[in-house]
Each structure stands twice: as structure tokens, then as C-alpha cells.
């Protein structure tokens, strides 16, 4: 009986670990003209799809008091903005876009911009 209980518990733990690390990931959001991004324990959505030849406006609202998330950086666009708590901050990315990333000031939280045709 003990062996069966340990075996079942082991399979349960394996399933839990698999779900935690390889489970459902956040899907990418497509930004047609503008998109709201929540800054809370990271960026939600963290992957943003933009059209190649159109400007896109991203509206970031920080809800997390973590000091790392106070600034956002877009290195490829040379944009750096301060994100005050609970205040929307608008960032417009001009075309042409290229696949690039954005991150917090300490480079701990990341997001990605993907170009669609």
C-alpha cells in the first residue's frame, strides 16, 4: 500500500512540475492601432504583434509597486519612459518596425514585439 501511495504522489508531483514549467503560456496580442499593457509582475501581454508599416501606440499602466518596473526601455527605438503607479503612459512606436524587445530598468522583466505582414 505504501508503494502505491508513493507512486501516485510521485506521478502527481511530476504532472505539477510539468504544468508549472511547460503549461499554457500567455498568447501574443495583436495591436492594430493601440493596445493597453498592464505592468503587474511583468508585462501583460508580454508579446505584442504589430503591423509592419503602421505606427502603434502602447498604453502602459503600472499596478505593481516593484521599483524595477518604474521604467520601461525599448533599446531598438531608443525610448526610455518612467511609469508612475496607476497612471497610463502612452508610447508610440513609429514604423518601420522590426522584431525587438523591451524590458524594465534592471532588465529583469521582458516583453517582445513581433512584426506581422
Protein backbone atom coordinates (compact mmCIF):
# COMPACT_ATOMS: atom_id res chain seq x y z
CA UNK A 1 0.00 0.00 0.00
CA UNK A 2 2.85 2.39 0.83
CA UNK A 3 4.50 1.82 -2.55
CA UNK A 4 1.26 2.58 -4.38
CA UNK A 5 0.76 5.79 -2.39
CA UNK A 6 4.33 6.95 -3.09
CA UNK A 7 3.97 6.10 -6.79
CA UNK A 8 0.70 8.05 -7.14
CA UNK A 9 2.17 11.03 -5.24
CA UNK A 10 5.27 10.92 -7.47
CA UNK A 11 3.19 10.99 -10.65
CA UNK A 12 1.17 13.87 -9.20
CA UNK A 13 4.32 15.86 -8.49
CA UNK A 14 5.69 15.16 -11.97
CA UNK A 15 2.43 16.38 -13.52
CA UNK A 16 2.50 19.51 -11.34
CA UNK A 17 6.08 20.33 -12.31
CA UNK A 18 5.31 19.78 -15.99
CA UNK A 19 2.29 22.10 -15.79
CA UNK A 20 4.26 24.79 -13.93
CA UNK A 21 7.17 24.92 -16.37
CA UNK A 22 5.64 23.83 -19.67
CA UNK A 23 1.95 24.61 -19.23
CA UNK A 24 -0.13 27.17 -21.05
CA UNK A 25 1.81 30.32 -21.86
CA UNK A 26 0.31 33.73 -22.45
CA UNK A 27 -0.67 34.21 -26.05
CA UNK A 28 0.51 37.15 -28.10
CA UNK A 29 -1.82 40.10 -28.59
CA UNK A 30 -2.09 41.93 -31.89
CA UNK A 31 -2.01 45.71 -31.69
CA UNK A 32 -3.93 47.26 -34.57
CA UNK A 33 -3.60 50.94 -33.62
CA UNK A 34 -3.26 50.94 -29.84
CA UNK A 35 -3.02 48.36 -27.10
CA UNK A 36 -3.22 48.57 -23.31
CA UNK A 37 -0.46 46.76 -21.43
CA UNK A 38 -0.74 46.03 -17.73
CA UNK A 39 2.50 46.21 -15.75
CA UNK A 40 1.95 43.88 -12.82
CA UNK A 41 4.56 41.25 -12.02
CA UNK A 42 5.76 41.68 -15.59
CA UNK A 43 4.10 42.88 -18.77
CA UNK A 44 0.68 41.54 -19.77
CA UNK A 45 0.61 40.81 -22.64
CA UNK A 46 4.33 40.20 -22.87
CA UNK A 47 4.30 39.50 -26.61
CA UNK A 48 2.81 42.16 -28.87
CA UNK A 49 2.30 41.70 -32.59
CA UNK A 50 2.35 44.86 -34.72
CA UNK A 51 1.77 45.50 -38.41
CA UNK A 52 4.87 46.29 -40.39
CA UNK A 53 4.18 49.73 -41.87
CA UNK A 54 1.80 51.29 -39.32
CA UNK A 55 2.62 53.24 -36.17
CA UNK A 56 1.39 51.60 -32.99
CA UNK A 57 0.52 53.18 -29.65
CA UNK A 58 1.08 51.18 -26.48
CA UNK A 59 -0.55 52.35 -23.25
CA UNK A 60 1.29 51.06 -20.18
CA UNK A 61 -0.36 51.17 -16.73
CA UNK A 62 1.83 50.12 -13.80
CA UNK A 63 -0.05 48.44 -10.95
CA UNK A 64 2.96 46.84 -9.27
CA UNK A 65 4.93 48.85 -6.67
CA UNK A 66 8.12 46.96 -7.56
CA UNK A 67 10.82 49.60 -8.16
CA UNK A 68 12.25 47.58 -11.04
CA UNK A 69 9.10 48.24 -13.06
CA UNK A 70 9.30 52.05 -12.65
CA UNK A 71 10.92 52.46 -16.05
CA UNK A 72 10.45 50.77 -19.38
CA UNK A 73 13.07 50.67 -22.12
CA UNK A 74 12.84 50.00 -25.83
CA UNK A 75 16.54 49.73 -26.78
CA UNK A 76 15.97 49.38 -30.54
CA UNK A 77 13.83 52.53 -30.58
CA UNK A 78 16.00 54.39 -28.03
CA UNK A 79 12.93 55.03 -25.85
CA UNK A 80 13.02 55.12 -22.05
CA UNK A 81 9.93 56.15 -20.05
CA UNK A 82 9.06 56.46 -16.37
CA UNK A 83 5.89 54.58 -15.38
CA UNK A 84 4.17 56.15 -12.36
CA UNK A 85 1.75 53.99 -10.35
CA UNK A 86 -1.80 53.69 -11.76
CA UNK A 87 -1.18 56.33 -14.43
CA UNK A 88 -1.41 55.40 -18.13
CA UNK A 89 1.75 56.21 -20.08
CA UNK A 90 1.50 56.31 -23.87
CA UNK A 91 4.39 55.20 -26.05
CA UNK A 92 4.10 55.43 -29.83
CA UNK A 93 6.39 53.26 -31.91
CA UNK A 94 6.97 54.66 -35.39
CA UNK A 95 7.24 52.45 -38.47
CA UNK A 96 9.15 50.63 -39.79
CA UNK A 97 9.07 48.09 -37.03
CA UNK A 98 11.43 45.24 -36.54
CA UNK A 99 11.23 42.32 -34.19
CA UNK A 100 12.61 43.67 -30.93
CA UNK A 101 12.18 43.59 -27.20
CA UNK A 102 11.51 45.83 -24.25
CA UNK A 103 12.42 45.48 -20.60
CA UNK A 104 12.44 47.11 -17.19
CA UNK A 105 15.29 49.28 -15.95
CA UNK A 106 17.05 46.32 -14.30
CA UNK A 107 16.49 44.01 -17.29
CA UNK A 108 14.58 41.51 -15.11
CA UNK A 109 11.14 41.69 -16.78
CA UNK A 110 10.92 41.36 -20.55
CA UNK A 111 8.47 41.76 -23.38
CA UNK A 112 8.69 41.19 -27.11
CA UNK A 113 7.41 42.96 -30.20
CA UNK A 114 6.85 40.77 -33.25
CA UNK A 115 6.20 42.11 -36.73
CA UNK A 116 3.41 40.65 -38.84
CA UNK A 117 2.97 41.36 -42.51
